[in-house]
Protein backbone atom coordinates (compact mmCIF):
# COMPACT_ATOMS: atom_id res chain seq x y z
CA MET A 1 59.72 -39.50 18.04
CA ILE A 2 62.69 -37.99 19.87
CA HIS A 3 64.50 -40.91 19.44
CA SER A 4 63.85 -40.79 15.88
CA LEU A 5 65.23 -37.21 15.45
CA HIS A 6 68.41 -38.61 17.12
CA ASP A 7 68.84 -41.57 14.88
CA ILE A 8 68.64 -38.68 12.04
CA ALA A 9 71.01 -36.40 13.43
CA GLY A 10 73.36 -39.24 14.32
CA ASP A 11 73.22 -41.46 11.30
CA VAL A 12 72.33 -38.95 8.33
CA GLN A 13 73.34 -35.53 9.35
CA TYR A 14 77.06 -35.66 9.74
CA PRO A 15 78.16 -36.99 6.35
CA LEU A 16 75.37 -35.47 4.59
CA ASP A 17 76.46 -32.13 6.36
CA LEU A 18 80.08 -32.66 5.24
CA VAL A 19 79.41 -33.46 1.31
CA GLY A 20 76.79 -30.40 1.81
CA VAL A 21 79.73 -27.99 3.12
CA PHE A 22 82.00 -29.26 0.22
CA ALA A 23 79.34 -28.72 -2.63
CA PHE A 24 78.61 -25.43 -1.21
CA ALA A 25 82.01 -24.31 -0.81
CA VAL A 26 82.82 -25.06 -4.34
CA CYS A 27 80.19 -22.60 -5.63
CA GLY A 28 81.69 -19.98 -3.26
CA ALA A 29 85.12 -20.69 -4.61
CA LEU A 30 83.90 -20.43 -8.01
CA ILE A 31 82.35 -16.93 -7.40
CA ALA A 32 85.63 -16.02 -5.76
CA THR A 33 87.78 -17.31 -8.91
CA ARG A 34 85.20 -15.30 -11.41
CA GLU A 35 85.78 -12.20 -9.47
CA ASP A 36 89.70 -12.81 -9.52
CA PHE A 37 90.17 -13.15 -5.65
CA ASP A 38 93.42 -14.59 -4.26
CA PHE A 39 93.72 -17.85 -2.43
CA PHE A 40 92.75 -16.98 0.76
CA GLY A 41 90.09 -14.47 -0.50
CA THR A 42 89.07 -17.94 -2.16
CA LEU A 43 89.02 -19.50 0.83
CA LEU A 44 87.02 -17.05 2.85
CA LEU A 45 84.24 -17.24 0.16
CA ALA A 46 84.26 -20.88 0.34
CA GLU A 47 84.19 -21.15 4.10
CA ALA A 48 81.06 -18.61 4.12
CA ALA A 49 79.14 -20.54 1.33
CA GLY A 50 79.95 -23.82 3.00
CA LEU A 51 79.49 -22.96 6.82
CA GLY A 52 77.48 -19.71 6.88
CA GLY A 53 73.81 -21.31 6.89
CA GLY A 54 74.70 -23.88 9.45
CA LEU A 55 76.71 -21.24 11.42
CA PHE A 56 73.59 -19.07 11.56
CA ARG A 57 71.49 -22.05 12.65
CA ASP A 58 73.67 -22.97 15.45
CA LEU A 59 73.85 -19.26 17.02
CA VAL A 60 70.02 -19.45 16.76
CA LEU A 61 69.72 -22.65 18.70
CA ARG A 62 72.43 -21.45 21.28
CA ILE A 63 74.76 -24.26 20.85
CA GLN A 64 78.34 -24.17 20.34
CA PRO A 65 78.85 -24.23 16.27
CA VAL A 66 79.92 -27.52 14.76
CA ALA A 67 81.96 -25.59 12.45
CA PHE A 68 84.50 -24.52 15.12
CA THR A 69 84.58 -28.51 16.75
CA ASP A 70 85.02 -30.66 13.93
CA LEU A 71 88.03 -30.44 11.77
CA GLY A 72 85.89 -32.26 9.11
CA TYR A 73 83.84 -28.75 8.65
CA ALA A 74 87.10 -26.75 8.15
CA THR A 75 88.69 -29.45 5.84
CA ALA A 76 85.79 -29.47 3.45
CA PRO A 77 85.90 -25.74 2.25
CA PHE A 78 89.70 -26.05 1.95
CA LEU A 79 89.66 -28.64 -0.12
CA ALA A 80 87.02 -27.33 -1.95
CA THR A 81 89.31 -24.14 -2.76
CA LEU A 82 92.24 -26.28 -3.80
CA LEU A 83 90.12 -28.02 -6.40
CA VAL A 84 88.94 -24.81 -7.67
CA PHE A 85 91.48 -22.48 -7.51
CA PHE A 86 94.38 -24.60 -8.98
CA ASN A 87 92.13 -26.37 -11.75
CA SER A 88 91.72 -23.85 -14.68
CA ARG A 89 88.87 -26.20 -15.99
CA ALA A 90 86.85 -26.15 -13.14
CA HIS A 91 84.58 -22.84 -14.51
CA SER A 92 83.62 -25.51 -17.47
CA TRP A 93 81.91 -28.12 -15.18
CA ASP A 94 78.61 -26.01 -14.74
CA THR A 95 76.38 -29.02 -14.57
CA ALA A 96 78.30 -30.82 -12.19
CA TRP A 97 78.37 -28.04 -9.93
CA ASP A 98 74.76 -27.28 -10.42
CA VAL A 99 74.16 -30.90 -9.51
CA ALA A 100 75.97 -30.74 -6.40
CA ASP A 101 74.59 -27.51 -5.53
CA ALA A 102 70.97 -28.72 -5.76
CA GLY A 103 71.81 -32.00 -3.60
CA ALA A 104 73.38 -30.01 -0.93
CA LEU A 105 70.27 -27.55 -0.75
CA GLY A 106 68.25 -30.85 -0.19
CA MET A 107 70.57 -31.96 2.46
CA PHE A 108 70.56 -28.73 4.39
CA CYS A 109 66.88 -27.75 4.47
CA VAL A 110 66.09 -31.21 5.97
CA THR A 111 69.18 -31.23 8.39
CA GLY A 112 68.54 -27.82 9.23
CA THR A 113 64.93 -28.49 10.15
CA VAL A 114 65.69 -31.76 12.02
CA LYS A 115 68.13 -30.24 14.31
CA ALA A 116 65.86 -27.26 14.98
CA LEU A 117 62.99 -29.85 16.03
CA GLN A 118 65.45 -31.82 18.01
CA HIS A 119 66.35 -28.69 20.05
CA GLY A 120 62.77 -27.90 20.61
CA LEU A 121 61.74 -25.26 18.31
CA ASN A 122 58.11 -24.99 16.89
CA ALA A 123 57.26 -26.50 13.36
CA PRO A 124 57.47 -22.75 11.58
CA ALA A 125 60.69 -21.63 13.34
CA SER A 126 62.21 -24.88 12.55
CA ALA A 127 61.33 -24.77 8.92
CA ALA A 128 62.59 -21.27 8.91
CA LEU A 129 66.07 -22.04 10.15
CA GLY A 130 65.97 -25.01 7.75
CA VAL A 131 65.83 -22.78 4.89
CA THR A 132 68.18 -20.37 6.36
CA THR A 133 70.80 -23.58 6.81
CA ALA A 134 70.18 -24.18 3.28
CA VAL A 135 70.44 -20.89 1.60
CA GLY A 136 72.18 -18.60 4.25
CA GLY A 137 75.49 -19.71 3.36
CA GLY A 138 75.30 -18.63 -0.50
CA VAL A 139 73.65 -15.22 0.76
CA VAL A 140 76.69 -14.38 3.03
CA CYS A 141 79.08 -15.61 0.24
CA SER A 142 77.28 -12.95 -2.58
CA VAL A 143 77.46 -10.16 -0.32
CA LEU A 144 81.15 -10.65 0.43
CA ALA A 145 81.92 -10.64 -3.35
CA ARG A 146 79.88 -7.67 -3.77
CA GLU A 147 77.01 -9.59 -5.78
CA ILE A 148 73.03 -9.45 -5.35
CA PRO A 149 72.12 -12.83 -4.09
CA SER A 150 70.71 -15.28 -6.57
CA SER A 151 68.37 -16.72 -4.36
CA LEU A 152 66.70 -13.13 -4.17
CA ILE A 153 66.31 -12.32 -7.81
CA TRP A 154 63.16 -13.11 -9.65
CA ASP A 155 65.19 -14.15 -13.30
CA ARG A 156 66.94 -16.92 -11.49
CA ASP A 157 65.87 -20.60 -11.43
CA LEU A 158 63.63 -21.52 -8.46
CA TYR A 159 66.20 -21.77 -5.43
CA VAL A 160 64.38 -20.91 -2.36
CA VAL A 161 61.15 -22.84 -2.99
CA PRO A 162 62.48 -25.99 -3.13
CA ALA A 163 64.33 -25.56 0.55
CA VAL A 164 61.11 -24.15 1.81
CA CYS A 165 59.05 -27.22 0.53
CA GLY A 166 61.68 -29.73 2.11
CA ALA A 167 61.71 -27.89 5.44
CA GLY A 168 57.90 -27.60 5.43
CA LEU A 169 57.46 -31.39 4.83
CA VAL A 170 59.89 -32.27 7.40
CA THR A 171 57.71 -30.43 9.99
CA VAL A 172 54.81 -31.93 8.40
CA LEU A 173 56.20 -35.59 8.58
CA HIS A 174 57.21 -34.50 12.63
CA ALA A 175 53.57 -33.52 13.32
CA THR A 176 52.33 -36.76 11.91
CA SER A 177 55.01 -38.72 13.55
CA THR A 178 56.24 -40.19 10.63
CA LEU A 179 59.49 -38.31 10.29
CA ARG A 180 62.58 -41.74 10.39
CA VAL A 181 65.69 -41.67 8.67
CA ALA A 182 64.01 -43.00 5.38
CA THR A 183 61.42 -40.30 4.98
CA ALA A 184 64.03 -37.46 5.94
CA VAL A 185 66.39 -38.57 2.90
CA ALA A 186 63.21 -38.84 0.90
CA VAL A 187 62.53 -35.09 1.42
CA GLY A 188 65.97 -34.27 0.85
CA LEU A 189 65.62 -36.19 -2.31
CA LEU A 190 62.34 -34.47 -3.40
CA ALA A 191 63.93 -31.04 -2.58
CA PHE A 192 67.03 -31.99 -4.70
CA ALA A 193 64.63 -33.03 -7.93
CA LEU A 194 62.46 -29.81 -7.31
CA ARG A 195 65.90 -28.06 -7.88
CA LEU A 196 66.87 -29.89 -10.83
CA THR A 197 63.80 -29.73 -12.72
CA ALA A 198 63.23 -25.83 -12.20
CA LEU A 199 67.16 -25.66 -13.58
CA ARG A 200 66.17 -27.74 -16.43
CA LEU A 201 62.66 -26.17 -17.14
CA LYS A 202 63.51 -22.59 -16.42
CA TRP A 203 61.00 -22.39 -13.48
CA ARG A 204 61.37 -18.74 -11.82
CA THR A 205 58.94 -16.78 -9.35
CA PRO A 206 56.91 -13.82 -10.69
CA ARG A 207 57.87 -10.48 -10.95
CA SER A 208 56.33 -7.99 -8.61
CA ALA A 209 53.16 -6.16 -9.69
CA LEU A 210 55.06 -3.02 -10.18
CA TRP A 211 57.33 -4.27 -12.43
CA ARG A 212 54.82 -6.06 -14.56
CA ARG A 213 52.67 -2.67 -14.73
CA THR A 214 55.65 -0.81 -15.99
CA ALA A 215 56.77 -3.54 -18.43
CA ALA A 216 53.27 -3.62 -19.94
CA ARG A 217 53.43 0.21 -20.12
CA THR A 218 56.71 0.37 -21.99
CA GLY A 219 56.06 -2.74 -24.03
CA SER A 220 59.42 -4.60 -22.63
CA ARG A 221 59.03 -7.85 -21.16
CA HIS A 222 63.02 -7.31 -19.75
CA ARG A 223 64.71 -5.17 -17.86
CA ARG A 224 67.87 -5.83 -16.21
CA ARG A 225 69.07 -5.04 -13.15
CA ASP A 226 71.44 -2.15 -13.85
CA ASP A 227 69.03 -0.65 -16.37
CA PRO A 228 68.85 3.27 -15.17
CA ALA A 229 65.16 3.01 -16.08
CA ARG A 230 64.69 0.96 -13.13
CA ASP A 231 65.76 3.96 -11.01
CA ARG A 232 62.57 5.73 -11.71
CA LEU A 233 60.42 2.99 -10.59
CA ILE A 234 61.65 3.46 -6.78
CA PRO A 235 60.17 6.33 -5.09
CA THR A 236 62.67 8.61 -3.26
CA SER A 237 62.65 10.87 -0.36
CA LYS A 238 61.13 14.53 -0.61
CA THR A 239 62.98 15.33 2.56
C-alpha cells in the first residue's frame, strides 16, 4: 500500500497539482478583477486561491511547502493572472471556468488526502486535510477580497460536499487496500462529476432550522445576506 501511495504521488500528483493550481488561480484572478484590483492585487488573489489550500496542507504535515520549492507552482498563478487581467472577455467564459474549478476541486481533494495518508495521518485527519486542500485557497481568496466564501453559504451550489465525498472515498480505498492510481483518478472524476451535476441541477445544502422557522413565520422563502431583518435573528449580548 505504501508503494501505491508513492506511485500516486509521483505519477499523478505533480501534473494534476499544476493544472489545479492554475484553475483555482484563474478563479481568484476573476474575483480580483471584478473588485477592480490592480495587477499585483490580482496576482496576490490568484496566488492565494491557487496555492492557499496546498500551503496549509504542507504546513500541517510539517514539510517544506512545495509552493516555495518548485517554480511551476509560482508560474501557474502568474500565467492565470496574465490570462484574466489583460483579457476583457475572461468574465464571459463562466461555463469554462466552472468546469475548470470543478476539475481542480476533484483533483485536490484526492491528492491532498493521498499526501496526508502518505505522511501517516489517520483516515479522518487525512480526509479533513484533503477537503481543506480543495477549498482552503478559495476561502483565503474570498477573505482577502472581503467577501463571504461561497463554500460557506447555503444558497450556493454544492461545493464542499463533492470534496468531502472524494476525500472520504480515498480513505475508504486506502483502508480496503484498493487505492491505486486508477482508483484515485476515478474518485477525482467522481467528485468532479458531482460538482458539475450540482451546478447543473442547482443542488444546495439545506438552510438552518432557525432560518426555516423564521421564513415560515414571515411567509418569505428567501432572505438576502444583507437584509437588515437578518440581524433580528441573531441574539445579542445583554452586557
